[in-house]
Amino acid sequence: MGVNNNTDFFRGVGEGAMTSTATPVHRGRSQQVWLVETFGDEDGRLVARGQVRIHNLYPE
């Protein structure tokens, strides 16, 4: 379940492929924090950078 999401958008991309990479910052028992960077356009420049905090839910 998402707890917090903060994303900065640096430039727009009208068309073409984009690639996102997620890197774990913290992976705990109850929560995780991930850094997500998205690259796009013809030069492969950074388009957006975000951080998301996720609360782990376990089935009973």
Protein backbone atom coordinates (compact mmCIF):
# COMPACT_ATOMS: atom_id res chain seq x y z
CA MET A 1 0.00 0.00 0.00
CA GLY A 2 1.44 3.39 -0.95
CA VAL A 3 2.07 5.71 2.01
CA ASN A 4 3.86 8.62 0.34
CA ASN A 5 4.83 9.53 -3.23
CA ASN A 6 6.86 12.60 -4.17
CA THR A 7 7.84 13.11 -7.81
CA ASP A 8 9.70 15.96 -9.54
CA PHE A 9 9.12 16.34 -13.30
CA PHE A 10 11.99 18.01 -15.15
CA ARG A 11 10.87 18.03 -18.79
CA GLY A 12 8.04 16.87 -20.99
CA VAL A 13 8.28 14.09 -23.55
CA GLY A 14 5.82 14.09 -26.44
CA GLU A 15 6.62 10.70 -27.91
CA GLY A 16 9.09 7.84 -27.89
CA ALA A 17 10.18 5.28 -25.35
CA MET A 18 11.01 6.08 -21.75
CA THR A 19 12.84 3.91 -19.23
CA SER A 20 12.35 3.89 -15.46
CA THR A 21 14.75 2.46 -12.91
CA ALA A 22 13.73 1.75 -9.31
CA THR A 23 16.46 1.53 -6.66
CA PRO A 24 15.71 0.42 -3.10
CA VAL A 25 16.71 2.96 -0.45
CA HIS A 26 15.29 1.00 2.51
CA ARG A 27 13.64 -2.43 2.60
CA GLY A 28 12.36 -3.09 6.08
CA ARG A 29 9.89 -5.59 7.47
CA SER A 30 6.96 -3.17 7.52
CA GLN A 31 7.95 -0.45 5.00
CA GLN A 32 10.04 0.10 1.90
CA VAL A 33 11.41 3.28 0.29
CA TRP A 34 12.30 3.33 -3.40
CA LEU A 35 13.98 5.95 -5.60
CA VAL A 36 12.55 5.95 -9.16
CA GLU A 37 14.27 7.73 -12.05
CA THR A 38 12.71 8.01 -15.51
CA PHE A 39 14.82 8.73 -18.59
CA GLY A 40 13.47 9.63 -22.00
CA ASP A 41 13.79 11.70 -25.17
CA GLU A 42 16.37 11.13 -27.87
CA ASP A 43 19.30 12.08 -25.61
CA GLY A 44 18.30 9.80 -22.71
CA ARG A 45 18.03 12.75 -20.32
CA LEU A 46 16.44 12.54 -16.90
CA VAL A 47 12.72 13.30 -17.24
CA ALA A 48 11.46 12.67 -13.70
CA ARG A 49 12.74 11.57 -10.31
CA GLY A 50 10.57 10.33 -7.47
CA GLN A 51 10.60 8.61 -4.13
CA VAL A 52 7.84 6.31 -2.94
CA ARG A 53 7.24 4.82 0.53
CA ILE A 54 5.30 1.55 0.59
CA HIS A 55 3.75 -0.17 3.60
CA ASN A 56 4.02 -3.97 3.40
CA LEU A 57 0.76 -5.84 3.92
CA TYR A 58 0.86 -9.51 4.82
CA PRO A 59 -2.15 -11.83 4.29
CA GLU A 60 -3.58 -13.35 7.44
